N, C-alpha and C. Protein backbone atom coordinates (compact mmCIF):
# COMPACT_ATOMS: atom_id res chain seq x y z
N MET A 1 -17.74 -3.68 -83.54
CA MET A 1 -16.83 -3.98 -82.34
C MET A 1 -17.78 -2.85 -81.94
N ARG A 2 -17.80 -1.58 -81.93
CA ARG A 2 -18.34 -0.41 -81.01
C ARG A 2 -19.30 -0.89 -80.22
N THR A 3 -20.83 -1.67 -80.84
CA THR A 3 -21.72 -2.44 -80.40
C THR A 3 -21.10 -3.35 -78.96
N THR A 4 -19.79 -4.05 -79.23
CA THR A 4 -19.25 -4.54 -78.06
C THR A 4 -18.18 -4.14 -77.05
N VAL A 5 -17.86 -2.86 -77.61
CA VAL A 5 -17.07 -2.37 -76.34
C VAL A 5 -18.53 -1.40 -75.78
N ALA A 6 -19.61 -0.63 -76.43
CA ALA A 6 -20.67 -0.70 -75.51
C ALA A 6 -21.27 -1.75 -74.84
N THR A 7 -21.69 -2.37 -75.75
CA THR A 7 -22.15 -4.17 -74.28
C THR A 7 -21.30 -4.07 -73.07
N LEU A 8 -20.36 -4.21 -73.17
CA LEU A 8 -19.21 -4.49 -72.46
C LEU A 8 -19.01 -3.18 -71.39
N VAL A 9 -18.65 -1.55 -71.49
CA VAL A 9 -19.23 -0.73 -70.85
C VAL A 9 -20.20 -0.64 -69.95
N GLY A 10 -21.61 -0.72 -70.55
CA GLY A 10 -23.23 -1.20 -70.35
C GLY A 10 -22.56 -2.16 -69.12
N ALA A 11 -22.44 -3.31 -69.17
CA ALA A 11 -22.58 -4.28 -68.48
C ALA A 11 -21.36 -3.90 -67.04
N VAL A 12 -20.62 -3.27 -66.92
CA VAL A 12 -19.55 -2.85 -66.10
C VAL A 12 -20.43 -1.31 -65.48
N LEU A 13 -20.37 -0.43 -66.39
CA LEU A 13 -21.81 0.42 -65.30
C LEU A 13 -22.99 -0.29 -64.43
N LEU A 14 -23.71 -0.93 -65.22
CA LEU A 14 -24.58 -1.71 -64.86
C LEU A 14 -23.94 -2.22 -63.46
N GLY A 15 -23.01 -3.42 -63.24
CA GLY A 15 -22.41 -3.74 -62.28
C GLY A 15 -22.20 -3.26 -61.07
N GLY A 16 -21.43 -2.36 -61.68
CA GLY A 16 -20.80 -1.65 -60.63
C GLY A 16 -21.94 -0.40 -59.78
N GLY A 17 -22.81 -0.29 -60.50
CA GLY A 17 -24.29 0.80 -59.94
C GLY A 17 -24.84 -0.23 -58.68
N LEU A 18 -24.74 -1.64 -59.30
CA LEU A 18 -25.86 -2.56 -58.50
C LEU A 18 -24.28 -2.90 -57.18
N ALA A 19 -23.14 -3.14 -57.44
CA ALA A 19 -22.69 -3.37 -56.19
C ALA A 19 -22.97 -1.80 -55.14
N ALA A 20 -22.51 -0.52 -55.77
CA ALA A 20 -23.02 0.49 -55.13
C ALA A 20 -24.01 0.53 -53.68
N CYS A 21 -25.36 -0.20 -54.98
CA CYS A 21 -26.40 -0.18 -53.89
C CYS A 21 -26.49 -1.07 -53.09
N SER A 22 -25.42 -2.23 -52.94
CA SER A 22 -26.20 -3.17 -52.08
C SER A 22 -25.53 -2.68 -50.59
N SER A 23 -26.40 -3.30 -49.70
CA SER A 23 -26.13 -3.36 -48.31
C SER A 23 -25.62 -3.86 -47.25
N GLU A 24 -24.79 -4.75 -48.14
CA GLU A 24 -23.64 -5.18 -47.62
C GLU A 24 -22.29 -4.70 -47.54
N PRO A 25 -21.73 -4.25 -45.97
CA PRO A 25 -21.01 -3.48 -45.96
C PRO A 25 -19.62 -4.21 -47.23
N PRO A 26 -18.87 -3.28 -47.80
CA PRO A 26 -17.51 -3.47 -48.31
C PRO A 26 -16.71 -4.40 -48.00
N PRO A 27 -15.88 -5.15 -49.59
CA PRO A 27 -14.61 -5.69 -48.34
C PRO A 27 -14.06 -5.68 -47.28
N SER A 28 -13.70 -4.17 -47.44
CA SER A 28 -12.15 -3.68 -47.37
C SER A 28 -12.99 -3.61 -45.26
N ALA A 29 -14.29 -3.24 -44.84
CA ALA A 29 -14.66 -3.28 -43.63
C ALA A 29 -15.12 -4.56 -43.14
N PRO A 30 -14.95 -4.77 -42.29
CA PRO A 30 -14.46 -5.90 -41.51
C PRO A 30 -15.56 -5.63 -40.37
N ALA A 31 -16.29 -7.42 -40.30
CA ALA A 31 -17.28 -7.17 -39.73
C ALA A 31 -17.07 -6.84 -38.02
N VAL A 32 -18.18 -5.89 -37.57
CA VAL A 32 -17.82 -6.02 -35.70
C VAL A 32 -17.94 -7.37 -35.03
N LYS A 33 -16.70 -7.72 -34.49
CA LYS A 33 -16.80 -8.85 -33.51
C LYS A 33 -17.81 -8.44 -32.30
N PRO A 34 -17.94 -9.22 -31.81
CA PRO A 34 -18.84 -9.59 -30.63
C PRO A 34 -18.17 -9.51 -29.37
N VAL A 35 -18.10 -8.42 -28.40
CA VAL A 35 -17.13 -7.88 -26.75
C VAL A 35 -17.81 -8.18 -25.83
N ALA A 36 -19.09 -7.70 -25.75
CA ALA A 36 -20.18 -8.18 -24.55
C ALA A 36 -21.54 -7.98 -24.74
N GLU A 37 -22.40 -8.94 -24.28
CA GLU A 37 -23.62 -8.88 -24.24
C GLU A 37 -24.24 -9.70 -23.29
N THR A 38 -25.28 -8.70 -23.10
CA THR A 38 -26.14 -9.34 -21.39
C THR A 38 -26.76 -8.93 -21.19
N ASP A 39 -28.29 -9.20 -20.72
CA ASP A 39 -29.19 -8.39 -19.91
C ASP A 39 -29.12 -7.49 -18.89
N VAL A 40 -29.80 -6.67 -18.22
CA VAL A 40 -28.85 -5.75 -17.54
C VAL A 40 -29.55 -5.59 -16.01
N VAL A 41 -28.85 -6.26 -14.61
CA VAL A 41 -29.72 -5.80 -14.00
C VAL A 41 -29.33 -5.14 -12.59
N ALA A 42 -29.42 -5.15 -11.52
CA ALA A 42 -29.30 -3.92 -10.57
C ALA A 42 -28.04 -4.90 -9.79
N PRO A 43 -26.88 -3.29 -9.34
CA PRO A 43 -26.00 -3.24 -8.86
C PRO A 43 -25.85 -4.52 -7.80
N ALA A 44 -24.73 -5.52 -7.75
CA ALA A 44 -24.56 -6.40 -6.56
C ALA A 44 -24.07 -5.17 -5.04
N ALA A 45 -25.01 -5.63 -3.99
CA ALA A 45 -25.08 -4.78 -2.87
C ALA A 45 -22.93 -4.91 -2.84
N SER A 46 -22.45 -5.54 -2.78
CA SER A 46 -20.98 -5.82 -2.55
C SER A 46 -19.97 -6.47 -3.70
N GLY A 47 -18.86 -7.28 -3.83
CA GLY A 47 -18.27 -7.84 -3.93
C GLY A 47 -17.83 -7.67 -5.84
N ASP A 48 -17.80 -8.52 -6.62
CA ASP A 48 -17.75 -8.66 -8.10
C ASP A 48 -19.67 -8.08 -8.75
N GLN A 49 -18.90 -7.47 -9.40
CA GLN A 49 -20.20 -6.86 -10.33
C GLN A 49 -20.73 -7.28 -11.29
N PRO A 50 -21.88 -7.33 -11.50
CA PRO A 50 -22.46 -8.16 -13.26
C PRO A 50 -22.26 -7.24 -14.43
N LYS A 51 -21.89 -8.42 -15.34
CA LYS A 51 -21.38 -7.65 -16.85
C LYS A 51 -22.11 -6.40 -17.05
N GLY A 52 -23.65 -6.57 -16.99
CA GLY A 52 -24.59 -5.38 -17.27
C GLY A 52 -25.18 -4.95 -16.38
N ILE A 53 -24.97 -3.07 -15.66
CA ILE A 53 -25.85 -3.13 -14.95
C ILE A 53 -26.86 -1.73 -15.05
N THR A 54 -28.03 -1.95 -14.47
CA THR A 54 -28.96 -0.45 -14.72
C THR A 54 -28.96 0.63 -13.66
N TYR A 55 -28.69 1.56 -13.13
CA TYR A 55 -28.56 2.32 -12.27
C TYR A 55 -29.46 3.07 -11.76
N ASP A 56 -30.56 3.04 -13.24
CA ASP A 56 -32.12 3.54 -13.04
C ASP A 56 -32.96 2.96 -13.56
N VAL A 57 -33.72 1.78 -12.93
CA VAL A 57 -34.83 1.00 -13.51
C VAL A 57 -35.98 1.59 -14.20
N ASN A 58 -36.16 2.66 -13.65
CA ASN A 58 -37.36 3.85 -14.81
C ASN A 58 -36.88 4.04 -16.01
N ARG A 59 -35.39 4.02 -16.53
CA ARG A 59 -35.51 4.83 -17.86
C ARG A 59 -34.61 3.37 -18.86
N ILE A 60 -33.86 2.20 -17.51
CA ILE A 60 -33.27 1.48 -18.33
C ILE A 60 -34.12 0.42 -17.92
N PRO A 61 -35.04 -0.24 -17.88
CA PRO A 61 -35.59 -1.52 -17.03
C PRO A 61 -34.68 -2.98 -16.94
N LEU A 62 -34.89 -3.50 -15.49
CA LEU A 62 -34.48 -4.71 -15.41
C LEU A 62 -34.53 -5.84 -16.42
N GLY A 63 -33.73 -6.39 -17.35
CA GLY A 63 -34.02 -7.54 -18.16
C GLY A 63 -33.65 -6.70 -19.63
N ALA A 64 -33.37 -4.91 -19.75
CA ALA A 64 -32.95 -4.57 -21.47
C ALA A 64 -32.07 -5.04 -21.94
N LYS A 65 -31.50 -5.89 -23.09
CA LYS A 65 -30.14 -6.46 -23.43
C LYS A 65 -29.36 -4.75 -23.98
N LEU A 66 -27.82 -4.95 -23.44
CA LEU A 66 -27.18 -4.43 -24.04
C LEU A 66 -25.97 -5.27 -24.83
N SER A 67 -25.82 -5.19 -26.25
CA SER A 67 -24.53 -5.57 -26.40
C SER A 67 -24.26 -4.73 -27.34
N THR A 68 -22.09 -4.97 -27.12
CA THR A 68 -21.38 -4.13 -27.81
C THR A 68 -20.45 -5.06 -28.55
N GLY A 69 -19.90 -4.56 -29.94
CA GLY A 69 -19.04 -5.14 -30.69
C GLY A 69 -17.97 -4.33 -30.75
N SER A 70 -16.72 -4.63 -31.74
CA SER A 70 -16.04 -3.57 -32.17
C SER A 70 -14.95 -4.38 -33.55
N SER A 71 -14.58 -3.59 -34.15
CA SER A 71 -13.20 -4.10 -35.35
C SER A 71 -12.28 -2.80 -35.71
N VAL A 72 -11.43 -3.57 -36.16
CA VAL A 72 -10.28 -2.60 -36.37
C VAL A 72 -9.45 -2.97 -37.28
N SER A 73 -9.08 -2.27 -38.17
CA SER A 73 -9.00 -1.89 -40.09
C SER A 73 -8.23 -0.87 -40.34
N ASN A 74 -7.16 -0.62 -40.74
CA ASN A 74 -6.21 0.36 -41.51
C ASN A 74 -6.35 1.26 -40.16
N GLY A 75 -6.39 1.03 -39.09
CA GLY A 75 -5.84 1.78 -37.42
C GLY A 75 -7.23 2.79 -37.87
N GLN A 76 -7.77 2.03 -38.22
CA GLN A 76 -9.52 2.66 -37.72
C GLN A 76 -10.25 1.68 -36.87
N THR A 77 -10.99 1.87 -35.42
CA THR A 77 -11.86 1.36 -35.09
C THR A 77 -13.53 1.56 -35.29
N THR A 78 -14.08 0.70 -35.51
CA THR A 78 -15.26 1.18 -35.47
C THR A 78 -16.08 -0.17 -33.80
N VAL A 79 -16.63 0.38 -33.26
CA VAL A 79 -17.35 0.26 -32.41
C VAL A 79 -19.13 0.21 -32.20
N GLU A 80 -19.87 -1.01 -32.03
CA GLU A 80 -21.19 -0.71 -32.26
C GLU A 80 -21.98 -1.18 -30.54
N LEU A 81 -22.97 -0.61 -30.43
CA LEU A 81 -23.80 -1.15 -29.30
C LEU A 81 -25.25 -1.27 -30.01
N LYS A 82 -26.06 -2.60 -29.38
CA LYS A 82 -27.02 -2.67 -29.92
C LYS A 82 -27.66 -2.43 -28.64
N VAL A 83 -29.13 -2.27 -28.37
CA VAL A 83 -29.64 -2.05 -27.16
C VAL A 83 -31.61 -2.52 -27.43
N SER A 84 -31.96 -3.24 -26.53
CA SER A 84 -33.52 -3.49 -26.23
C SER A 84 -34.18 -3.38 -25.29
N GLY A 85 -35.53 -3.09 -25.13
CA GLY A 85 -36.14 -3.33 -24.14
C GLY A 85 -36.05 -2.15 -23.10
N LEU A 86 -35.86 -0.85 -24.24
CA LEU A 86 -35.56 0.40 -23.22
C LEU A 86 -36.47 0.72 -23.16
N LEU A 87 -37.04 2.24 -23.06
CA LEU A 87 -37.93 3.15 -22.95
C LEU A 87 -37.94 3.35 -24.97
N PRO A 88 -39.71 3.09 -25.41
CA PRO A 88 -39.94 3.60 -26.50
C PRO A 88 -39.30 4.96 -27.16
N ASN A 89 -38.60 5.27 -28.51
CA ASN A 89 -38.86 6.82 -28.76
C ASN A 89 -37.85 7.43 -27.96
N THR A 90 -36.76 6.97 -27.77
CA THR A 90 -36.57 8.28 -26.65
C THR A 90 -34.84 8.26 -26.55
N LYS A 91 -34.24 9.53 -26.64
CA LYS A 91 -32.74 9.52 -26.81
C LYS A 91 -32.01 8.95 -26.06
N TYR A 92 -30.78 8.75 -26.15
CA TYR A 92 -29.82 8.09 -25.24
C TYR A 92 -28.52 8.63 -25.77
N GLY A 93 -27.87 8.95 -24.74
CA GLY A 93 -26.09 8.93 -24.91
C GLY A 93 -25.55 7.83 -24.28
N SER A 94 -24.41 7.50 -25.42
CA SER A 94 -23.08 6.53 -25.08
C SER A 94 -22.37 6.56 -25.68
N HIS A 95 -20.86 6.45 -24.26
CA HIS A 95 -19.52 6.56 -24.96
C HIS A 95 -18.85 5.18 -24.22
N VAL A 96 -17.68 4.96 -24.95
CA VAL A 96 -16.52 3.84 -24.18
C VAL A 96 -15.92 4.87 -22.76
N HIS A 97 -16.05 4.30 -21.83
CA HIS A 97 -15.34 4.58 -20.84
C HIS A 97 -14.24 3.71 -20.34
N THR A 98 -13.81 4.23 -19.43
CA THR A 98 -12.05 3.35 -18.90
C THR A 98 -11.72 2.36 -18.13
N LYS A 99 -12.81 2.08 -17.24
CA LYS A 99 -12.90 1.08 -16.46
C LYS A 99 -13.99 0.81 -16.19
N PRO A 100 -13.71 -0.76 -16.27
CA PRO A 100 -15.65 -1.85 -16.17
C PRO A 100 -16.38 -1.03 -14.97
N CYS A 101 -17.54 -1.74 -14.88
CA CYS A 101 -18.68 -0.94 -14.30
C CYS A 101 -18.65 -1.86 -13.17
N GLY A 102 -18.74 -0.75 -12.05
CA GLY A 102 -18.88 -1.03 -10.49
C GLY A 102 -20.10 -0.47 -10.15
N ALA A 103 -20.51 -0.93 -8.31
CA ALA A 103 -21.48 -0.13 -8.09
C ALA A 103 -22.33 0.75 -8.10
N LYS A 104 -21.22 2.14 -7.68
CA LYS A 104 -21.97 3.04 -8.82
C LYS A 104 -21.27 3.52 -9.92
N PRO A 105 -22.22 4.88 -10.30
CA PRO A 105 -22.65 5.33 -12.35
C PRO A 105 -20.52 5.30 -12.18
N ALA A 106 -20.03 6.44 -10.73
CA ALA A 106 -19.16 6.91 -11.61
C ALA A 106 -17.92 5.66 -11.72
N ASP A 107 -17.96 4.41 -11.56
CA ASP A 107 -16.85 3.59 -10.85
C ASP A 107 -16.33 3.35 -12.38
N SER A 108 -17.11 3.60 -13.55
CA SER A 108 -16.58 3.37 -14.58
C SER A 108 -15.34 4.11 -14.95
N GLY A 109 -15.53 5.51 -14.75
CA GLY A 109 -14.41 6.29 -14.82
C GLY A 109 -14.89 7.25 -15.73
N PRO A 110 -13.33 7.99 -16.72
CA PRO A 110 -14.32 9.01 -17.81
C PRO A 110 -14.13 8.21 -18.71
N HIS A 111 -14.40 9.29 -19.85
CA HIS A 111 -14.82 8.72 -21.27
C HIS A 111 -13.44 8.54 -21.58
N TYR A 112 -13.46 7.55 -22.37
CA TYR A 112 -12.02 7.02 -23.59
C TYR A 112 -11.88 8.14 -24.06
N GLN A 113 -10.18 8.38 -24.23
CA GLN A 113 -9.89 9.16 -24.87
C GLN A 113 -8.75 8.80 -25.74
N ASN A 114 -8.65 9.09 -26.88
CA ASN A 114 -7.57 9.14 -27.68
C ASN A 114 -6.08 9.89 -27.28
N THR A 115 -6.73 11.05 -27.43
CA THR A 115 -5.88 11.79 -26.98
C THR A 115 -6.30 12.60 -25.64
N LYS A 116 -5.72 12.32 -24.65
CA LYS A 116 -6.42 12.93 -23.29
C LYS A 116 -6.24 13.89 -22.60
N ASP A 117 -7.24 14.40 -22.20
CA ASP A 117 -6.88 15.89 -21.83
C ASP A 117 -6.63 16.36 -20.45
N PRO A 118 -5.57 16.91 -20.38
CA PRO A 118 -5.40 17.08 -19.12
C PRO A 118 -6.00 17.26 -17.87
N VAL A 119 -7.17 18.03 -18.17
CA VAL A 119 -8.14 18.39 -17.16
C VAL A 119 -9.56 17.17 -17.14
N SER A 120 -9.68 17.10 -15.53
CA SER A 120 -11.16 16.06 -15.72
C SER A 120 -11.60 17.04 -14.62
N PRO A 121 -13.17 16.63 -14.86
CA PRO A 121 -13.46 15.75 -16.08
C PRO A 121 -13.48 17.01 -17.66
N SER A 122 -13.66 16.47 -18.22
CA SER A 122 -13.03 16.39 -19.71
C SER A 122 -14.24 17.16 -20.41
N VAL A 123 -14.62 18.81 -20.18
CA VAL A 123 -15.78 19.83 -21.40
C VAL A 123 -15.16 20.39 -22.17
N ASP A 124 -13.99 19.90 -22.54
CA ASP A 124 -13.57 21.00 -23.58
C ASP A 124 -13.86 20.65 -24.75
N PRO A 125 -14.63 20.86 -25.99
CA PRO A 125 -14.45 20.44 -26.92
C PRO A 125 -13.36 19.73 -27.98
N ALA A 126 -11.93 20.54 -27.68
CA ALA A 126 -10.80 20.27 -28.50
C ALA A 126 -10.54 18.60 -28.21
N PHE A 127 -10.97 17.93 -26.84
CA PHE A 127 -10.59 16.74 -26.28
C PHE A 127 -12.01 15.93 -26.18
N ALA A 128 -13.02 16.37 -25.76
CA ALA A 128 -14.42 16.03 -25.77
C ALA A 128 -15.01 16.14 -27.08
N ASN A 129 -14.94 14.99 -27.90
CA ASN A 129 -15.78 15.40 -29.33
C ASN A 129 -15.58 13.66 -30.22
N ALA A 130 -16.20 13.68 -30.91
CA ALA A 130 -16.63 12.48 -31.49
C ALA A 130 -15.71 11.61 -32.06
N GLU A 131 -14.59 12.57 -32.77
CA GLU A 131 -13.53 12.07 -33.41
C GLU A 131 -12.40 12.05 -32.10
N ASN A 132 -12.64 12.30 -31.16
CA ASN A 132 -11.25 11.62 -29.99
C ASN A 132 -11.72 10.97 -28.67
N GLU A 133 -12.88 10.43 -29.16
CA GLU A 133 -13.78 9.42 -27.95
C GLU A 133 -14.64 8.77 -29.05
N ILE A 134 -15.09 7.54 -28.32
CA ILE A 134 -16.23 7.18 -28.88
C ILE A 134 -17.85 7.18 -28.59
N TRP A 135 -18.32 8.10 -29.53
CA TRP A 135 -19.97 8.01 -29.07
C TRP A 135 -20.92 7.75 -29.71
N LEU A 136 -21.71 6.52 -29.31
CA LEU A 136 -22.72 5.86 -29.76
C LEU A 136 -23.81 5.87 -29.53
N ASP A 137 -24.19 7.28 -29.40
CA ASP A 137 -25.49 8.10 -29.33
C ASP A 137 -26.76 7.62 -30.69
N PHE A 138 -27.72 7.30 -29.49
CA PHE A 138 -28.99 6.69 -30.46
C PHE A 138 -30.60 7.28 -29.68
N THR A 139 -31.35 6.89 -30.75
CA THR A 139 -32.68 7.18 -30.20
C THR A 139 -33.40 5.71 -30.42
N THR A 140 -34.18 5.42 -28.90
CA THR A 140 -35.02 4.29 -29.86
C THR A 140 -35.98 3.99 -30.48
N ASP A 141 -36.59 3.14 -31.22
CA ASP A 141 -37.97 2.92 -31.72
C ASP A 141 -38.76 2.84 -30.98
N ALA A 142 -40.37 2.48 -31.77
CA ALA A 142 -41.64 2.20 -30.61
C ALA A 142 -41.26 0.68 -30.18
N GLN A 143 -40.58 0.46 -30.48
CA GLN A 143 -40.07 -1.15 -29.29
C GLN A 143 -38.91 -0.89 -28.19
N GLY A 144 -38.01 -0.28 -28.29
CA GLY A 144 -37.32 0.02 -27.62
C GLY A 144 -36.12 -0.43 -27.45
N ALA A 145 -35.46 -0.25 -28.92
CA ALA A 145 -34.48 -0.91 -29.65
C ALA A 145 -34.12 -0.16 -30.54
N ALA A 146 -32.52 -0.15 -30.69
CA ALA A 146 -31.92 0.86 -31.17
C ALA A 146 -30.41 0.30 -31.68
N THR A 147 -29.62 0.94 -32.51
CA THR A 147 -28.25 0.46 -32.56
C THR A 147 -27.54 2.09 -32.59
N GLY A 148 -26.07 1.88 -32.17
CA GLY A 148 -25.55 3.66 -32.32
C GLY A 148 -23.82 2.45 -32.78
N ARG A 149 -23.53 3.33 -33.38
CA ARG A 149 -21.91 3.02 -34.17
C ARG A 149 -21.40 3.79 -34.49
N ALA A 150 -19.92 4.07 -34.24
CA ALA A 150 -18.98 4.55 -34.29
C ALA A 150 -18.01 4.57 -34.88
N THR A 151 -17.10 4.91 -36.28
CA THR A 151 -15.81 4.71 -36.27
C THR A 151 -15.07 5.98 -36.65
N VAL A 152 -13.87 5.70 -36.03
CA VAL A 152 -12.59 6.15 -35.21
C VAL A 152 -11.30 5.83 -36.13
N LYS A 153 -10.41 7.25 -36.22
CA LYS A 153 -9.04 7.17 -36.98
C LYS A 153 -7.95 6.77 -36.38
N TRP A 154 -8.42 5.63 -34.87
CA TRP A 154 -7.27 5.78 -34.06
C TRP A 154 -7.63 4.07 -33.39
N GLU A 155 -6.86 3.55 -32.69
CA GLU A 155 -7.05 2.03 -32.55
C GLU A 155 -7.28 2.08 -30.55
N PHE A 156 -8.02 1.69 -30.14
CA PHE A 156 -8.08 1.91 -28.69
C PHE A 156 -6.17 1.40 -27.63
N ARG A 157 -5.95 1.87 -26.66
CA ARG A 157 -4.67 1.65 -26.30
C ARG A 157 -4.88 0.52 -25.19
N LYS A 158 -4.61 -0.85 -25.61
CA LYS A 158 -4.66 -1.90 -24.77
C LYS A 158 -4.77 -2.20 -22.82
N GLY A 159 -5.84 -2.45 -22.71
CA GLY A 159 -6.54 -1.94 -21.54
C GLY A 159 -7.04 -1.15 -20.45
N GLU A 160 -7.30 -0.07 -22.09
CA GLU A 160 -7.45 1.54 -21.23
C GLU A 160 -9.38 1.62 -21.64
N ALA A 161 -9.31 0.68 -22.57
CA ALA A 161 -11.20 1.01 -22.41
C ALA A 161 -11.91 -0.51 -21.92
N ASN A 162 -12.67 -0.01 -21.02
CA ASN A 162 -13.48 -1.22 -20.74
C ASN A 162 -14.43 -1.08 -20.39
N ALA A 163 -15.58 -0.37 -20.55
CA ALA A 163 -17.00 -0.19 -20.45
C ALA A 163 -17.75 0.57 -21.50
N VAL A 164 -19.15 0.51 -21.39
CA VAL A 164 -20.11 1.22 -22.60
C VAL A 164 -20.69 1.80 -21.29
N ILE A 165 -20.99 3.02 -22.09
CA ILE A 165 -22.38 3.49 -20.94
C ILE A 165 -23.31 4.19 -21.75
N VAL A 166 -24.81 3.69 -21.12
CA VAL A 166 -25.52 4.80 -21.94
C VAL A 166 -26.03 5.65 -20.46
N HIS A 167 -26.10 6.76 -21.42
CA HIS A 167 -26.63 8.25 -20.60
C HIS A 167 -28.21 8.77 -20.79
N ALA A 168 -28.36 9.86 -20.10
CA ALA A 168 -29.53 9.62 -20.18
C ALA A 168 -29.85 11.18 -21.57
N THR A 169 -29.18 11.66 -22.12
CA THR A 169 -29.51 12.35 -23.39
C THR A 169 -28.39 12.48 -23.95
N HIS A 170 -28.71 12.54 -25.57
CA HIS A 170 -27.17 12.82 -26.44
C HIS A 170 -26.30 13.42 -26.32
N SER A 171 -25.09 13.44 -26.48
CA SER A 171 -24.16 14.08 -26.10
C SER A 171 -24.06 15.67 -26.74
N SER A 172 -23.61 16.70 -25.38
CA SER A 172 -23.64 18.19 -25.65
C SER A 172 -22.00 18.00 -26.81
N THR A 173 -22.44 19.34 -27.63
CA THR A 173 -20.61 19.66 -27.92
C THR A 173 -20.70 20.96 -28.30
N GLU A 174 -21.53 21.87 -26.87
CA GLU A 174 -21.03 23.23 -26.35
C GLU A 174 -20.04 23.18 -25.21
N HIS A 175 -19.15 24.37 -25.60
CA HIS A 175 -17.91 24.87 -25.65
C HIS A 175 -18.20 24.62 -23.38
N GLY A 176 -17.30 23.81 -22.38
CA GLY A 176 -17.80 24.01 -21.12
C GLY A 176 -19.01 22.92 -20.95
N LYS A 177 -19.32 21.88 -21.74
CA LYS A 177 -20.45 21.23 -21.83
C LYS A 177 -20.19 19.95 -22.03
N ALA A 178 -19.04 20.32 -23.58
CA ALA A 178 -18.42 19.30 -25.16
C ALA A 178 -18.84 17.76 -24.06
N GLY A 179 -19.10 16.53 -24.64
CA GLY A 179 -19.12 15.22 -23.87
C GLY A 179 -20.12 14.94 -23.05
N THR A 180 -20.91 15.79 -22.03
CA THR A 180 -21.48 15.32 -21.61
C THR A 180 -22.96 14.70 -22.09
N ALA A 181 -23.57 14.06 -21.14
CA ALA A 181 -24.76 13.78 -21.49
C ALA A 181 -25.77 13.43 -20.68
N GLY A 182 -25.84 13.95 -19.51
CA GLY A 182 -26.48 13.78 -18.56
C GLY A 182 -26.14 12.29 -17.47
N ASP A 183 -26.96 11.55 -16.81
CA ASP A 183 -27.09 11.19 -15.55
C ASP A 183 -25.86 9.40 -16.83
N ARG A 184 -25.77 8.77 -15.40
CA ARG A 184 -25.20 7.48 -16.62
C ARG A 184 -26.43 6.33 -15.48
N LEU A 185 -27.10 5.73 -16.33
CA LEU A 185 -28.11 5.20 -16.27
C LEU A 185 -28.16 3.45 -16.51
N ALA A 186 -27.11 2.93 -17.39
CA ALA A 186 -26.60 1.82 -17.44
C ALA A 186 -25.42 1.80 -18.14
N CYS A 187 -24.62 0.26 -17.58
CA CYS A 187 -23.34 0.44 -17.96
C CYS A 187 -23.76 -1.43 -18.12
N LEU A 188 -22.16 -1.42 -19.53
CA LEU A 188 -22.04 -2.75 -19.78
C LEU A 188 -20.50 -2.94 -19.76
N THR A 189 -19.13 -3.95 -18.64
CA THR A 189 -18.40 -3.52 -18.97
C THR A 189 -17.78 -4.58 -20.07
N ALA A 190 -16.83 -3.96 -20.90
CA ALA A 190 -16.39 -4.57 -22.53
C ALA A 190 -15.22 -4.42 -22.20
N ALA A 191 -14.01 -5.04 -22.13
CA ALA A 191 -12.99 -4.87 -22.72
C ALA A 191 -11.98 -4.93 -23.97
N PHE A 192 -12.31 -3.74 -24.25
CA PHE A 192 -11.88 -3.48 -26.15
C PHE A 192 -10.33 -3.72 -26.42
């Protein structure tokens, strides 16, 4: 009897240990569903804008690829950004913004915030932070590819999150500069 119990306990522990080492997400974590994917191009001179735009071809070359997806489960939202064709070994910032991409970098509006800062632009760390916004900062590898991922404990308000912006630097957490990440280099229209 002791041998049987010890063997059973050992098998359960081994199975649990192997499951903990698995690279697959747990069954409770839903897969990220694609929202938008495209190669970036220059903004259109007028009229409708392309889905993916580069505003700085030296730092986000024409033809670089941006794709994003999201999932919602138990009141939590996960957003993922995948990039390729960018400068190698480079730090970029990235956030979800409120409006679709436009001809000018500022056309995509401010960062989406779960609790909106009454002051705009928002640089107060009480509002401009990785728990109240979607921060997807990343560093590209030697081939110019990377993935940024964020999970927050809230869901987007319908129609209020419409683009992912790639910025020139990682996001600041410093008071008076919180959430800033340098120039807006590229935009991907993505209605979450």
